[in-house]
């Protein structure tokens, strides 16, 4: 799949961030957990507990220059269930694989579904809408696509492993002849490590709670 084909089906992609994080994201970029730990210079003995295993709760990290940041929990990845899904990786390897990526949903419906989930419906979040064409034109070599929600196994026992994330260029272009929709729909778009220049690609940032917009925080002029 090339950029044009992707944008035909998914003109925007969406990222759900911690409430109040947009100011920091503008300054540091939209970073994966691994990149954030690097920037915040978190000691090795501490980051192993954040990066290489399940986080039952969100974790706050601090830096004398960068201030505070919240790393979201990964509750939907209990190790006992994850083991049943992995084909060729250990749970540690899978946690680390996910933590090296920044994730986007390919449509707004998926974002709203996550905002309405039990774990998030009582909290506000910052939803970042990104122009797919601008993002891919700059970062296509670092973009990977997935058919599944890679960060949840509680209700989804779909197998996953080293072949889950497929480079953009290798994704099949096949579409259904009548609907014109992709035969292999995309569940996630992931960018490796981080996007330091994310503001260049953002259309708007909204504060949302339980799937409803509360206010627009930022919008491209």
C-alpha atoms as a PDB file:
ATOM      1  CA  UNK A   1       0.000   0.000   0.000  1.00  0.00           C
ATOM      2  CA  UNK A   2       1.235   3.464  -0.825  1.00  0.00           C
ATOM      3  CA  UNK A   3       0.422   6.782   0.835  1.00  0.00           C
ATOM      4  CA  UNK A   4      -2.309   7.677  -1.670  1.00  0.00           C
ATOM      5  CA  UNK A   5      -4.133   4.406  -1.109  1.00  0.00           C
ATOM      6  CA  UNK A   6      -3.965   4.705   2.665  1.00  0.00           C
ATOM      7  CA  UNK A   7      -5.265   8.292   2.636  1.00  0.00           C
ATOM      8  CA  UNK A   8      -8.136   7.336   0.347  1.00  0.00           C
ATOM      9  CA  UNK A   9      -9.457   5.036   3.072  1.00  0.00           C
ATOM     10  CA  UNK A  10      -8.135   6.858   6.151  1.00  0.00           C
ATOM     11  CA  UNK A  11      -7.657  10.608   5.575  1.00  0.00           C
ATOM     12  CA  UNK A  12      -7.118  11.158   9.309  1.00  0.00           C
ATOM     13  CA  UNK A  13      -5.713   9.092  12.155  1.00  0.00           C
ATOM     14  CA  UNK A  14      -6.334   9.665  15.861  1.00  0.00           C
ATOM     15  CA  UNK A  15      -4.260   9.462  19.017  1.00  0.00           C
ATOM     16  CA  UNK A  16      -5.675   9.453  22.541  1.00  0.00           C
ATOM     17  CA  UNK A  17      -3.351  11.263  24.954  1.00  0.00           C
ATOM     18  CA  UNK A  18      -3.383  12.076  28.639  1.00  0.00           C
ATOM     19  CA  UNK A  19      -5.523  15.070  29.568  1.00  0.00           C
ATOM     20  CA  UNK A  20      -3.389  18.206  29.777  1.00  0.00           C
ATOM     21  CA  UNK A  21      -0.482  16.711  27.816  1.00  0.00           C
ATOM     22  CA  UNK A  22      -0.793  18.764  24.614  1.00  0.00           C
ATOM     23  CA  UNK A  23       1.528  21.528  25.768  1.00  0.00           C
ATOM     24  CA  UNK A  24       4.260  19.004  26.532  1.00  0.00           C
ATOM     25  CA  UNK A  25       3.624  17.152  23.261  1.00  0.00           C
ATOM     26  CA  UNK A  26       4.103  20.366  21.298  1.00  0.00           C
ATOM     27  CA  UNK A  27       7.438  20.885  23.031  1.00  0.00           C
ATOM     28  CA  UNK A  28       8.867  17.357  23.068  1.00  0.00           C
ATOM     29  CA  UNK A  29       6.913  15.637  20.307  1.00  0.00           C
ATOM     30  CA  UNK A  30       4.538  12.692  20.428  1.00  0.00           C
ATOM     31  CA  UNK A  31       6.777  10.053  21.979  1.00  0.00           C
ATOM     32  CA  UNK A  32       6.506   6.340  22.612  1.00  0.00           C
ATOM     33  CA  UNK A  33       6.988   5.069  26.148  1.00  0.00           C
ATOM     34  CA  UNK A  34      10.566   4.092  25.313  1.00  0.00           C
ATOM     35  CA  UNK A  35      11.342   7.514  23.831  1.00  0.00           C
ATOM     36  CA  UNK A  36       9.754   9.254  26.806  1.00  0.00           C
ATOM     37  CA  UNK A  37      11.886   7.221  29.217  1.00  0.00           C
ATOM     38  CA  UNK A  38      14.963   8.180  27.193  1.00  0.00           C
ATOM     39  CA  UNK A  39      14.128  11.893  27.168  1.00  0.00           C
ATOM     40  CA  UNK A  40      13.318  11.879  30.900  1.00  0.00           C
ATOM     41  CA  UNK A  41      16.568   9.975  31.604  1.00  0.00           C
ATOM     42  CA  UNK A  42      14.803   7.357  33.704  1.00  0.00           C
ATOM     43  CA  UNK A  43      17.349   4.993  35.330  1.00  0.00           C
ATOM     44  CA  UNK A  44      17.610   1.478  33.933  1.00  0.00           C
ATOM     45  CA  UNK A  45      16.553  -0.181  37.161  1.00  0.00           C
ATOM     46  CA  UNK A  46      13.354   1.891  37.194  1.00  0.00           C
ATOM     47  CA  UNK A  47      12.452   1.772  33.522  1.00  0.00           C
ATOM     48  CA  UNK A  48      12.434  -2.033  33.432  1.00  0.00           C
ATOM     49  CA  UNK A  49       9.300  -2.014  35.581  1.00  0.00           C
ATOM     50  CA  UNK A  50       7.656   0.448  33.177  1.00  0.00           C
ATOM     51  CA  UNK A  51       8.874  -0.801  29.813  1.00  0.00           C
ATOM     52  CA  UNK A  52       9.154  -4.581  30.096  1.00  0.00           C
ATOM     53  CA  UNK A  53       6.074  -5.747  31.972  1.00  0.00           C
ATOM     54  CA  UNK A  54       2.414  -5.011  32.568  1.00  0.00           C
ATOM     55  CA  UNK A  55       1.573  -1.662  34.166  1.00  0.00           C
ATOM     56  CA  UNK A  56      -1.577  -2.149  36.255  1.00  0.00           C
ATOM     57  CA  UNK A  57      -1.739   1.593  36.872  1.00  0.00           C
ATOM     58  CA  UNK A  58      -0.498   4.706  35.091  1.00  0.00           C
ATOM     59  CA  UNK A  59       2.990   5.839  36.091  1.00  0.00           C
ATOM     60  CA  UNK A  60       4.180   9.401  36.674  1.00  0.00           C
ATOM     61  CA  UNK A  61       7.767  10.246  35.729  1.00  0.00           C
ATOM     62  CA  UNK A  62       9.594  13.517  36.441  1.00  0.00           C
ATOM     63  CA  UNK A  63      12.548  15.429  35.036  1.00  0.00           C
ATOM     64  CA  UNK A  64      14.184  18.635  36.311  1.00  0.00           C
ATOM     65  CA  UNK A  65      13.831  20.334  32.901  1.00  0.00           C
ATOM     66  CA  UNK A  66      10.892  18.592  31.217  1.00  0.00           C
ATOM     67  CA  UNK A  67       8.617  18.457  34.253  1.00  0.00           C
ATOM     68  CA  UNK A  68       6.159  15.585  34.732  1.00  0.00           C
ATOM     69  CA  UNK A  69       4.662  13.078  32.318  1.00  0.00           C
ATOM     70  CA  UNK A  70       2.143  10.282  32.749  1.00  0.00           C
ATOM     71  CA  UNK A  71       2.705   6.893  31.124  1.00  0.00           C
ATOM     72  CA  UNK A  72      -0.637   5.205  30.645  1.00  0.00           C
ATOM     73  CA  UNK A  73      -1.340   1.795  32.148  1.00  0.00           C
ATOM     74  CA  UNK A  74      -1.578  -1.299  29.959  1.00  0.00           C
ATOM     75  CA  UNK A  75      -4.215  -3.110  32.015  1.00  0.00           C
ATOM     76  CA  UNK A  76      -5.724  -4.948  29.024  1.00  0.00           C
ATOM     77  CA  UNK A  77      -2.499  -6.996  28.672  1.00  0.00           C
ATOM     78  CA  UNK A  78      -2.427  -9.402  31.629  1.00  0.00           C
ATOM     79  CA  UNK A  79       0.551 -11.694  31.171  1.00  0.00           C
ATOM     80  CA  UNK A  80      -1.415 -14.892  31.887  1.00  0.00           C
ATOM     81  CA  UNK A  81      -3.695 -14.207  28.910  1.00  0.00           C
ATOM     82  CA  UNK A  82      -1.038 -12.667  26.704  1.00  0.00           C
ATOM     83  CA  UNK A  83       1.003 -15.887  26.825  1.00  0.00           C
ATOM     84  CA  UNK A  84      -1.895 -17.712  25.183  1.00  0.00           C
ATOM     85  CA  UNK A  85      -1.835 -15.327  22.197  1.00  0.00           C
ATOM     86  CA  UNK A  86       1.869 -14.980  21.449  1.00  0.00           C
ATOM     87  CA  UNK A  87       3.262 -17.051  18.579  1.00  0.00           C
ATOM     88  CA  UNK A  88       7.009 -16.405  18.670  1.00  0.00           C
ATOM     89  CA  UNK A  89       7.685 -13.828  21.398  1.00  0.00           C
ATOM     90  CA  UNK A  90       7.782 -13.696  25.185  1.00  0.00           C
ATOM     91  CA  UNK A  91       5.484 -11.330  27.114  1.00  0.00           C
ATOM     92  CA  UNK A  92       8.519  -9.170  27.922  1.00  0.00           C
ATOM     93  CA  UNK A  93       9.378  -8.873  24.229  1.00  0.00           C
ATOM     94  CA  UNK A  94       5.771  -7.979  23.394  1.00  0.00           C
ATOM     95  CA  UNK A  95       5.537  -5.279  26.084  1.00  0.00           C
ATOM     96  CA  UNK A  96       8.803  -3.789  24.830  1.00  0.00           C
ATOM     97  CA  UNK A  97       7.636  -3.960  21.199  1.00  0.00           C
ATOM     98  CA  UNK A  98       4.494  -1.973  22.002  1.00  0.00           C
ATOM     99  CA  UNK A  99       6.362   0.498  24.185  1.00  0.00           C
ATOM    100  CA  UNK A 100       8.625   1.439  21.258  1.00  0.00           C
ATOM    101  CA  UNK A 101       5.656   2.626  19.192  1.00  0.00           C
ATOM    102  CA  UNK A 102       3.250   5.570  19.053  1.00  0.00           C
ATOM    103  CA  UNK A 103      -0.242   4.331  18.226  1.00  0.00           C
ATOM    104  CA  UNK A 104      -3.054   5.842  16.185  1.00  0.00           C
ATOM    105  CA  UNK A 105      -6.587   4.670  15.493  1.00  0.00           C
ATOM    106  CA  UNK A 106      -7.543   4.813  11.786  1.00  0.00           C
ATOM    107  CA  UNK A 107     -11.037   6.162  12.396  1.00  0.00           C
ATOM    108  CA  UNK A 108     -12.908   8.207  14.973  1.00  0.00           C
ATOM    109  CA  UNK A 109     -15.312   5.386  15.816  1.00  0.00           C
ATOM    110  CA  UNK A 110     -12.502   3.371  17.383  1.00  0.00           C
ATOM    111  CA  UNK A 111     -11.415   6.352  19.483  1.00  0.00           C
ATOM    112  CA  UNK A 112     -14.916   6.898  20.810  1.00  0.00           C
ATOM    113  CA  UNK A 113     -15.194   3.203  21.621  1.00  0.00           C
ATOM    114  CA  UNK A 114     -12.034   3.429  23.715  1.00  0.00           C
ATOM    115  CA  UNK A 115     -13.198   6.616  25.456  1.00  0.00           C
ATOM    116  CA  UNK A 116     -16.433   4.867  26.383  1.00  0.00           C
ATOM    117  CA  UNK A 117     -14.655   1.789  27.762  1.00  0.00           C
ATOM    118  CA  UNK A 118     -15.028   1.202  31.496  1.00  0.00           C
ATOM    119  CA  UNK A 119     -11.383   2.045  32.236  1.00  0.00           C
ATOM    120  CA  UNK A 120     -11.565   5.494  30.606  1.00  0.00           C
ATOM    121  CA  UNK A 121     -15.173   6.736  30.562  1.00  0.00           C
ATOM    122  CA  UNK A 122     -14.881   8.680  33.836  1.00  0.00           C
ATOM    123  CA  UNK A 123     -11.781  10.601  32.752  1.00  0.00           C
ATOM    124  CA  UNK A 124     -11.167  13.305  30.170  1.00  0.00           C
ATOM    125  CA  UNK A 125      -8.520  12.753  27.489  1.00  0.00           C
ATOM    126  CA  UNK A 126      -6.898  14.782  24.741  1.00  0.00           C
ATOM    127  CA  UNK A 127      -7.770  13.385  21.313  1.00  0.00           C
ATOM    128  CA  UNK A 128      -5.303  14.424  18.613  1.00  0.00           C
ATOM    129  CA  UNK A 129      -6.521  14.350  14.996  1.00  0.00           C
ATOM    130  CA  UNK A 130      -3.680  14.002  12.500  1.00  0.00           C
ATOM    131  CA  UNK A 131      -3.631  14.566   8.747  1.00  0.00           C
ATOM    132  CA  UNK A 132      -2.629  11.164   7.354  1.00  0.00           C
ATOM    133  CA  UNK A 133      -1.050  12.509   4.189  1.00  0.00           C
ATOM    134  CA  UNK A 134       1.205  14.929   6.035  1.00  0.00           C
ATOM    135  CA  UNK A 135       2.240  12.320   8.591  1.00  0.00           C
ATOM    136  CA  UNK A 136       2.975   9.597   6.048  1.00  0.00           C
ATOM    137  CA  UNK A 137       4.796  11.920   3.682  1.00  0.00           C
ATOM    138  CA  UNK A 138       7.289  12.583   6.463  1.00  0.00           C
ATOM    139  CA  UNK A 139       7.382   9.281   8.372  1.00  0.00           C
ATOM    140  CA  UNK A 140       6.277   6.508   5.997  1.00  0.00           C
ATOM    141  CA  UNK A 141       9.488   4.512   6.563  1.00  0.00           C
ATOM    142  CA  UNK A 142       8.684   4.297  10.278  1.00  0.00           C
ATOM    143  CA  UNK A 143       4.986   3.396   9.889  1.00  0.00           C
ATOM    144  CA  UNK A 144       3.602  -0.066  10.641  1.00  0.00           C
ATOM    145  CA  UNK A 145       0.023  -1.328  10.344  1.00  0.00           C
ATOM    146  CA  UNK A 146      -1.856  -3.962  12.323  1.00  0.00           C
ATOM    147  CA  UNK A 147      -5.063  -5.918  11.767  1.00  0.00           C
ATOM    148  CA  UNK A 148      -5.723  -6.196  15.501  1.00  0.00           C
ATOM    149  CA  UNK A 149      -5.825  -4.108  18.643  1.00  0.00           C
ATOM    150  CA  UNK A 150      -2.335  -5.113  19.733  1.00  0.00           C
ATOM    151  CA  UNK A 151      -2.690  -3.683  23.236  1.00  0.00           C
ATOM    152  CA  UNK A 152      -5.599  -5.778  24.499  1.00  0.00           C
ATOM    153  CA  UNK A 153      -6.134  -9.486  25.114  1.00  0.00           C
ATOM    154  CA  UNK A 154      -8.867  -9.514  27.764  1.00  0.00           C
ATOM    155  CA  UNK A 155     -11.634 -10.176  25.229  1.00  0.00           C
ATOM    156  CA  UNK A 156      -9.503 -10.757  22.171  1.00  0.00           C
ATOM    157  CA  UNK A 157      -7.347 -13.874  21.970  1.00  0.00           C
ATOM    158  CA  UNK A 158      -6.162 -13.222  18.410  1.00  0.00           C
ATOM    159  CA  UNK A 159      -2.643 -14.501  17.867  1.00  0.00           C
ATOM    160  CA  UNK A 160       0.136 -11.952  17.695  1.00  0.00           C
ATOM    161  CA  UNK A 161       3.909 -11.825  17.427  1.00  0.00           C
ATOM    162  CA  UNK A 162       6.764 -10.657  15.227  1.00  0.00           C
ATOM    163  CA  UNK A 163       4.541 -10.528  12.117  1.00  0.00           C
ATOM    164  CA  UNK A 164       1.717  -8.466  13.648  1.00  0.00           C
ATOM    165  CA  UNK A 165       3.122  -5.097  12.587  1.00  0.00           C
ATOM    166  CA  UNK A 166       3.450  -4.844   8.808  1.00  0.00           C
ATOM    167  CA  UNK A 167       5.348  -2.021   7.061  1.00  0.00           C
ATOM    168  CA  UNK A 168       3.041   0.345   5.172  1.00  0.00           C
ATOM    169  CA  UNK A 169       4.526  -0.579   1.790  1.00  0.00           C
ATOM    170  CA  UNK A 170       3.840  -4.305   2.390  1.00  0.00           C
ATOM    171  CA  UNK A 171       0.173  -3.973   3.357  1.00  0.00           C
ATOM    172  CA  UNK A 172      -2.130  -5.574   0.716  1.00  0.00           C
ATOM    173  CA  UNK A 173      -4.107  -3.110  -1.432  1.00  0.00           C
ATOM    174  CA  UNK A 174      -6.974  -5.493  -2.190  1.00  0.00           C
ATOM    175  CA  UNK A 175     -10.409  -3.886  -2.017  1.00  0.00           C
ATOM    176  CA  UNK A 176     -13.878  -5.390  -2.213  1.00  0.00           C
ATOM    177  CA  UNK A 177     -15.261  -4.837  -5.750  1.00  0.00           C
ATOM    178  CA  UNK A 178     -18.687  -3.595  -4.632  1.00  0.00           C
ATOM    179  CA  UNK A 179     -17.980  -1.560  -1.495  1.00  0.00           C
ATOM    180  CA  UNK A 180     -14.497  -0.364  -2.427  1.00  0.00           C
ATOM    181  CA  UNK A 181     -13.435  -1.009   1.167  1.00  0.00           C
ATOM    182  CA  UNK A 182     -10.192  -2.751   2.092  1.00  0.00           C
ATOM    183  CA  UNK A 183     -10.502  -6.511   2.329  1.00  0.00           C
ATOM    184  CA  UNK A 184      -7.867  -6.344   5.067  1.00  0.00           C
ATOM    185  CA  UNK A 185      -9.054  -3.394   7.212  1.00  0.00           C
ATOM    186  CA  UNK A 186      -6.504  -1.642   9.402  1.00  0.00           C
ATOM    187  CA  UNK A 187      -7.037  -1.634  13.156  1.00  0.00           C
ATOM    188  CA  UNK A 188      -3.956   0.380  14.143  1.00  0.00           C
ATOM    189  CA  UNK A 189      -1.251   2.566  12.704  1.00  0.00           C
ATOM    190  CA  UNK A 190       1.987   2.650  14.692  1.00  0.00           C
ATOM    191  CA  UNK A 191       5.011   4.901  14.286  1.00  0.00           C
ATOM    192  CA  UNK A 192       8.320   3.607  15.578  1.00  0.00           C
ATOM    193  CA  UNK A 193       9.842   5.424  18.572  1.00  0.00           C
ATOM    194  CA  UNK A 194       8.348   8.917  18.242  1.00  0.00           C
ATOM    195  CA  UNK A 195       7.286  11.911  16.154  1.00  0.00           C
ATOM    196  CA  UNK A 196       9.229  14.992  17.320  1.00  0.00           C
ATOM    197  CA  UNK A 197       7.581  17.290  14.751  1.00  0.00           C
ATOM    198  CA  UNK A 198       4.006  16.107  15.387  1.00  0.00           C
ATOM    199  CA  UNK A 199       2.524  19.617  15.494  1.00  0.00           C
ATOM    200  CA  UNK A 200       3.151  19.975  11.750  1.00  0.00           C
ATOM    201  CA  UNK A 201       0.630  17.213  11.076  1.00  0.00           C
ATOM    202  CA  UNK A 202      -2.092  17.937  13.640  1.00  0.00           C
ATOM    203  CA  UNK A 203      -5.505  19.172  12.495  1.00  0.00           C
ATOM    204  CA  UNK A 204      -7.008  19.714  15.954  1.00  0.00           C
ATOM    205  CA  UNK A 205      -6.817  18.640  19.571  1.00  0.00           C
ATOM    206  CA  UNK A 206     -10.019  18.068  21.549  1.00  0.00           C
ATOM    207  CA  UNK A 207     -10.697  17.372  25.173  1.00  0.00           C
ATOM    208  CA  UNK A 208     -13.139  14.464  25.240  1.00  0.00           C
ATOM    209  CA  UNK A 209     -14.832  12.456  27.957  1.00  0.00           C
ATOM    210  CA  UNK A 210     -16.997   9.335  27.599  1.00  0.00           C
ATOM    211  CA  UNK A 211     -16.910   9.753  23.826  1.00  0.00           C
ATOM    212  CA  UNK A 212     -18.200  13.345  23.837  1.00  0.00           C
ATOM    213  CA  UNK A 213     -16.304  16.513  22.955  1.00  0.00           C
ATOM    214  CA  UNK A 214     -15.913  18.893  25.886  1.00  0.00           C
ATOM    215  CA  UNK A 215     -13.904  21.583  24.113  1.00  0.00           C
ATOM    216  CA  UNK A 216     -11.372  22.192  21.339  1.00  0.00           C
ATOM    217  CA  UNK A 217      -7.912  22.791  22.819  1.00  0.00           C
ATOM    218  CA  UNK A 218      -6.012  23.597  19.623  1.00  0.00           C
ATOM    219  CA  UNK A 219      -6.808  23.880  15.936  1.00  0.00           C
ATOM    220  CA  UNK A 220      -4.629  24.438  12.891  1.00  0.00           C
ATOM    221  CA  UNK A 221      -5.018  27.919  11.425  1.00  0.00           C
END
